[in-house]
Amino acid sequence: MLDSYAEPIADLEPADGEVETAELAVSDDVLVKAFVLGPGAELEAHDHPDSTNVFHVLEGTVTVVQGDESEAIDAPGVVHHERGVDHGARNETAETVIFTASLCPLPS
């Protein structure tokens, strides 16, 4: 099967305030990870000094934090985070939200 999305996230059902994750693709040079955020959940801001990170919003509305800015991004949406820029995400809705994060290259 070529699709590596549906099966890994099938059992992810975070409660309010919880974040659940699944690795969708991992190789020597890229990581693609799914993040499923329950209502009120937050992925704390962090950075990747040596990697670019791209969020793909797949379901719902995710409030993406980048540096000192934040913006509600509706699915489908894409947000590019340059290397070393603090970024995170919040679910400020009453619904579960799903986005992927692609990290490239993988940190050494």
N, C-alpha and C. Protein backbone atom coordinates (compact mmCIF):
# COMPACT_ATOMS: atom_id res chain seq x y z
N MET A 1 0.84 -1.18 0.00
CA MET A 1 0.00 0.00 0.00
C MET A 1 0.90 1.25 0.00
N LEU A 2 0.62 2.16 -0.89
CA LEU A 2 1.42 3.37 -1.00
C LEU A 2 1.03 4.44 0.02
N ASP A 3 -0.25 4.52 0.38
CA ASP A 3 -0.72 5.55 1.30
C ASP A 3 -0.28 5.23 2.72
N SER A 4 0.49 6.11 3.33
CA SER A 4 0.96 5.87 4.70
C SER A 4 0.27 6.80 5.70
N TYR A 5 -0.95 7.27 5.36
CA TYR A 5 -1.65 8.20 6.25
C TYR A 5 -2.75 7.53 7.08
N ALA A 6 -3.68 6.87 6.42
CA ALA A 6 -4.90 6.40 7.09
C ALA A 6 -4.63 5.42 8.22
N GLU A 7 -3.84 4.41 7.99
CA GLU A 7 -3.63 3.38 9.00
C GLU A 7 -2.96 3.91 10.27
N PRO A 8 -1.86 4.69 10.17
CA PRO A 8 -1.22 5.16 11.41
C PRO A 8 -2.08 6.08 12.27
N ILE A 9 -3.01 6.84 11.65
CA ILE A 9 -3.81 7.76 12.47
C ILE A 9 -5.17 7.18 12.86
N ALA A 10 -5.49 5.99 12.39
CA ALA A 10 -6.83 5.41 12.61
C ALA A 10 -7.23 5.34 14.08
N ASP A 11 -6.30 5.06 14.96
CA ASP A 11 -6.64 4.89 16.38
C ASP A 11 -6.33 6.12 17.23
N LEU A 12 -5.95 7.23 16.59
CA LEU A 12 -5.63 8.44 17.36
C LEU A 12 -6.91 9.20 17.68
N GLU A 13 -7.22 9.29 18.95
CA GLU A 13 -8.42 10.00 19.42
C GLU A 13 -8.09 10.75 20.70
N PRO A 14 -7.38 11.86 20.58
CA PRO A 14 -6.97 12.58 21.79
C PRO A 14 -8.15 13.18 22.53
N ALA A 15 -8.06 13.16 23.83
CA ALA A 15 -9.06 13.80 24.68
C ALA A 15 -8.80 15.31 24.67
N ASP A 16 -9.70 16.06 25.27
CA ASP A 16 -9.51 17.51 25.39
C ASP A 16 -8.15 17.79 26.02
N GLY A 17 -7.41 18.71 25.42
CA GLY A 17 -6.11 19.11 25.94
C GLY A 17 -4.96 18.18 25.62
N GLU A 18 -5.22 17.09 24.89
CA GLU A 18 -4.16 16.12 24.59
C GLU A 18 -3.72 16.19 23.14
N VAL A 19 -2.45 15.82 22.91
CA VAL A 19 -1.86 15.72 21.58
C VAL A 19 -1.43 14.28 21.37
N GLU A 20 -1.81 13.68 20.25
CA GLU A 20 -1.33 12.35 19.89
C GLU A 20 -0.63 12.46 18.54
N THR A 21 0.38 11.61 18.34
CA THR A 21 1.18 11.69 17.12
C THR A 21 1.39 10.31 16.51
N ALA A 22 1.74 10.32 15.22
CA ALA A 22 2.12 9.10 14.52
C ALA A 22 3.13 9.45 13.44
N GLU A 23 4.16 8.63 13.32
CA GLU A 23 5.13 8.83 12.24
C GLU A 23 4.57 8.23 10.96
N LEU A 24 4.55 9.04 9.90
CA LEU A 24 3.98 8.61 8.62
C LEU A 24 5.06 8.20 7.62
N ALA A 25 6.20 8.87 7.66
CA ALA A 25 7.31 8.55 6.76
C ALA A 25 8.61 8.94 7.44
N VAL A 26 9.55 8.02 7.45
CA VAL A 26 10.84 8.28 8.04
C VAL A 26 11.91 7.71 7.13
N SER A 27 12.88 8.55 6.78
CA SER A 27 14.02 8.08 6.00
C SER A 27 15.27 8.80 6.51
N ASP A 28 16.36 8.64 5.82
CA ASP A 28 17.60 9.29 6.25
C ASP A 28 17.54 10.80 6.14
N ASP A 29 16.62 11.34 5.32
CA ASP A 29 16.62 12.78 5.10
C ASP A 29 15.30 13.48 5.33
N VAL A 30 14.26 12.76 5.75
CA VAL A 30 12.97 13.42 6.00
C VAL A 30 12.16 12.65 7.05
N LEU A 31 11.39 13.41 7.81
CA LEU A 31 10.43 12.85 8.75
C LEU A 31 9.10 13.54 8.48
N VAL A 32 8.04 12.75 8.33
CA VAL A 32 6.69 13.29 8.22
C VAL A 32 5.89 12.68 9.37
N LYS A 33 5.35 13.55 10.20
CA LYS A 33 4.66 13.12 11.40
C LYS A 33 3.27 13.74 11.45
N ALA A 34 2.27 12.97 11.84
CA ALA A 34 0.91 13.48 12.01
C ALA A 34 0.73 13.92 13.46
N PHE A 35 0.07 15.05 13.64
CA PHE A 35 -0.29 15.56 14.95
C PHE A 35 -1.80 15.67 15.00
N VAL A 36 -2.41 15.05 16.01
CA VAL A 36 -3.85 15.12 16.21
C VAL A 36 -4.06 15.79 17.55
N LEU A 37 -4.70 16.96 17.52
CA LEU A 37 -4.89 17.77 18.72
C LEU A 37 -6.36 17.76 19.12
N GLY A 38 -6.61 17.36 20.37
CA GLY A 38 -7.96 17.48 20.91
C GLY A 38 -8.26 18.94 21.20
N PRO A 39 -9.52 19.26 21.44
CA PRO A 39 -9.87 20.64 21.78
C PRO A 39 -9.01 21.17 22.94
N GLY A 40 -8.48 22.36 22.76
CA GLY A 40 -7.68 22.99 23.81
C GLY A 40 -6.24 22.50 23.89
N ALA A 41 -5.84 21.58 23.03
CA ALA A 41 -4.48 21.04 23.07
C ALA A 41 -3.48 22.00 22.43
N GLU A 42 -2.21 21.87 22.84
CA GLU A 42 -1.17 22.73 22.30
C GLU A 42 0.12 21.95 22.08
N LEU A 43 0.71 22.18 20.93
CA LEU A 43 2.07 21.72 20.65
C LEU A 43 2.97 22.90 20.98
N GLU A 44 3.73 22.79 22.06
CA GLU A 44 4.56 23.89 22.54
C GLU A 44 5.51 24.39 21.45
N ALA A 45 5.74 25.69 21.44
CA ALA A 45 6.67 26.29 20.48
C ALA A 45 8.07 25.74 20.69
N HIS A 46 8.75 25.47 19.60
CA HIS A 46 10.10 24.91 19.60
C HIS A 46 10.75 25.27 18.27
N ASP A 47 12.01 24.95 18.11
CA ASP A 47 12.65 25.21 16.83
C ASP A 47 13.49 24.01 16.40
N HIS A 48 13.89 24.05 15.15
CA HIS A 48 14.79 23.05 14.58
C HIS A 48 15.91 23.84 13.90
N PRO A 49 17.03 24.05 14.60
CA PRO A 49 18.07 24.93 14.08
C PRO A 49 18.64 24.50 12.72
N ASP A 50 18.63 23.20 12.44
CA ASP A 50 19.27 22.71 11.22
C ASP A 50 18.28 22.13 10.22
N SER A 51 16.98 22.33 10.43
CA SER A 51 15.97 21.72 9.56
C SER A 51 14.85 22.69 9.24
N THR A 52 14.29 22.55 8.06
CA THR A 52 13.08 23.26 7.66
C THR A 52 11.89 22.41 8.08
N ASN A 53 10.82 23.04 8.51
CA ASN A 53 9.62 22.33 8.95
C ASN A 53 8.42 22.91 8.22
N VAL A 54 7.57 22.03 7.68
CA VAL A 54 6.37 22.46 6.97
C VAL A 54 5.16 21.77 7.58
N PHE A 55 4.16 22.55 7.97
CA PHE A 55 2.89 22.02 8.44
C PHE A 55 1.91 21.94 7.27
N HIS A 56 1.20 20.83 7.17
CA HIS A 56 0.09 20.68 6.22
C HIS A 56 -1.16 20.45 7.06
N VAL A 57 -2.07 21.41 7.09
CA VAL A 57 -3.30 21.30 7.86
C VAL A 57 -4.29 20.47 7.04
N LEU A 58 -4.71 19.34 7.61
CA LEU A 58 -5.54 18.38 6.88
C LEU A 58 -7.00 18.40 7.31
N GLU A 59 -7.25 18.60 8.60
CA GLU A 59 -8.63 18.62 9.11
C GLU A 59 -8.77 19.68 10.18
N GLY A 60 -9.80 20.51 10.06
CA GLY A 60 -10.10 21.50 11.08
C GLY A 60 -9.34 22.79 10.89
N THR A 61 -9.25 23.54 11.98
CA THR A 61 -8.57 24.83 12.00
C THR A 61 -7.53 24.81 13.11
N VAL A 62 -6.28 25.01 12.74
CA VAL A 62 -5.16 24.99 13.68
C VAL A 62 -4.61 26.40 13.81
N THR A 63 -4.43 26.87 15.03
CA THR A 63 -3.77 28.15 15.25
C THR A 63 -2.28 27.88 15.28
N VAL A 64 -1.59 28.36 14.26
CA VAL A 64 -0.15 28.13 14.13
C VAL A 64 0.59 29.32 14.70
N VAL A 65 1.58 29.03 15.51
CA VAL A 65 2.43 30.04 16.12
C VAL A 65 3.77 30.00 15.40
N GLN A 66 4.25 31.19 15.00
CA GLN A 66 5.55 31.28 14.35
C GLN A 66 6.22 32.56 14.86
N GLY A 67 7.28 32.39 15.63
CA GLY A 67 7.92 33.55 16.24
C GLY A 67 6.92 34.25 17.14
N ASP A 68 6.70 35.55 16.91
CA ASP A 68 5.77 36.34 17.72
C ASP A 68 4.37 36.41 17.10
N GLU A 69 4.16 35.71 15.99
CA GLU A 69 2.87 35.76 15.29
C GLU A 69 2.08 34.47 15.51
N SER A 70 0.77 34.58 15.37
CA SER A 70 -0.09 33.40 15.34
C SER A 70 -1.22 33.67 14.36
N GLU A 71 -1.68 32.59 13.72
CA GLU A 71 -2.74 32.71 12.73
C GLU A 71 -3.53 31.42 12.68
N ALA A 72 -4.86 31.53 12.61
CA ALA A 72 -5.72 30.36 12.44
C ALA A 72 -5.66 29.93 10.98
N ILE A 73 -5.26 28.69 10.75
CA ILE A 73 -5.11 28.14 9.40
C ILE A 73 -6.14 27.04 9.23
N ASP A 74 -7.04 27.23 8.25
CA ASP A 74 -8.06 26.24 7.94
C ASP A 74 -7.52 25.18 6.99
N ALA A 75 -8.04 23.95 7.12
CA ALA A 75 -7.71 22.89 6.16
C ALA A 75 -8.42 23.18 4.85
N PRO A 76 -7.79 22.96 3.73
CA PRO A 76 -6.37 22.59 3.59
C PRO A 76 -5.50 23.83 3.67
N GLY A 77 -4.38 23.70 4.34
CA GLY A 77 -3.46 24.82 4.46
C GLY A 77 -2.04 24.34 4.64
N VAL A 78 -1.09 25.19 4.28
CA VAL A 78 0.33 24.86 4.38
C VAL A 78 1.06 26.04 5.02
N VAL A 79 1.93 25.75 6.00
CA VAL A 79 2.73 26.78 6.66
C VAL A 79 4.18 26.34 6.65
N HIS A 80 5.05 27.20 6.14
CA HIS A 80 6.49 26.92 6.04
C HIS A 80 7.21 27.59 7.20
N HIS A 81 8.02 26.82 7.92
CA HIS A 81 8.82 27.35 9.03
C HIS A 81 10.30 27.24 8.62
N GLU A 82 10.95 28.38 8.52
CA GLU A 82 12.38 28.38 8.19
C GLU A 82 13.18 27.74 9.34
N ARG A 83 14.39 27.33 9.03
CA ARG A 83 15.29 26.76 10.03
C ARG A 83 15.49 27.75 11.18
N GLY A 84 15.40 27.23 12.41
CA GLY A 84 15.68 28.04 13.58
C GLY A 84 14.56 28.93 14.05
N VAL A 85 13.42 28.96 13.36
CA VAL A 85 12.30 29.81 13.76
C VAL A 85 11.40 29.03 14.74
N ASP A 86 11.11 29.64 15.88
CA ASP A 86 10.20 29.01 16.84
C ASP A 86 8.84 28.83 16.19
N HIS A 87 8.23 27.65 16.40
CA HIS A 87 6.91 27.38 15.85
C HIS A 87 6.18 26.37 16.74
N GLY A 88 4.87 26.43 16.71
CA GLY A 88 4.03 25.52 17.48
C GLY A 88 2.62 25.60 16.95
N ALA A 89 1.68 24.97 17.66
CA ALA A 89 0.30 24.95 17.20
C ALA A 89 -0.65 24.78 18.39
N ARG A 90 -1.85 25.35 18.23
CA ARG A 90 -2.89 25.24 19.25
C ARG A 90 -4.21 24.88 18.57
N ASN A 91 -5.01 24.12 19.28
CA ASN A 91 -6.37 23.87 18.82
C ASN A 91 -7.29 24.72 19.68
N GLU A 92 -7.79 25.80 19.12
CA GLU A 92 -8.68 26.70 19.85
C GLU A 92 -10.14 26.45 19.49
N THR A 93 -10.42 25.28 18.90
CA THR A 93 -11.78 24.93 18.49
C THR A 93 -12.32 23.82 19.38
N ALA A 94 -13.58 23.47 19.18
CA ALA A 94 -14.21 22.38 19.92
C ALA A 94 -14.08 21.04 19.20
N GLU A 95 -13.42 21.03 18.05
CA GLU A 95 -13.26 19.82 17.25
C GLU A 95 -11.81 19.34 17.28
N THR A 96 -11.59 18.07 17.01
CA THR A 96 -10.24 17.55 16.85
C THR A 96 -9.66 18.08 15.55
N VAL A 97 -8.37 18.44 15.55
CA VAL A 97 -7.71 18.93 14.35
C VAL A 97 -6.51 18.03 14.03
N ILE A 98 -6.20 17.95 12.73
CA ILE A 98 -5.08 17.11 12.29
C ILE A 98 -4.21 17.90 11.33
N PHE A 99 -2.90 17.84 11.58
CA PHE A 99 -1.94 18.39 10.61
C PHE A 99 -0.72 17.49 10.60
N THR A 100 0.04 17.57 9.51
CA THR A 100 1.31 16.88 9.48
C THR A 100 2.43 17.90 9.57
N ALA A 101 3.58 17.43 10.02
CA ALA A 101 4.78 18.24 10.04
C ALA A 101 5.85 17.46 9.29
N SER A 102 6.44 18.11 8.29
CA SER A 102 7.53 17.50 7.52
C SER A 102 8.83 18.21 7.90
N LEU A 103 9.82 17.43 8.31
CA LEU A 103 11.09 17.95 8.77
C LEU A 103 12.19 17.48 7.84
N CYS A 104 12.94 18.43 7.27
CA CYS A 104 13.98 18.06 6.32
C CYS A 104 15.10 19.10 6.34
N PRO A 105 16.34 18.74 6.35
CA PRO A 105 16.82 17.37 6.58
C PRO A 105 16.68 17.01 8.06
N LEU A 106 16.79 15.73 8.34
CA LEU A 106 16.75 15.30 9.72
C LEU A 106 17.97 15.84 10.46
N PRO A 107 17.79 16.25 11.71
CA PRO A 107 18.95 16.73 12.47
C PRO A 107 20.00 15.64 12.62
N SER A 108 21.25 16.04 12.64
CA SER A 108 22.35 15.07 12.78
C SER A 108 22.44 14.54 14.19
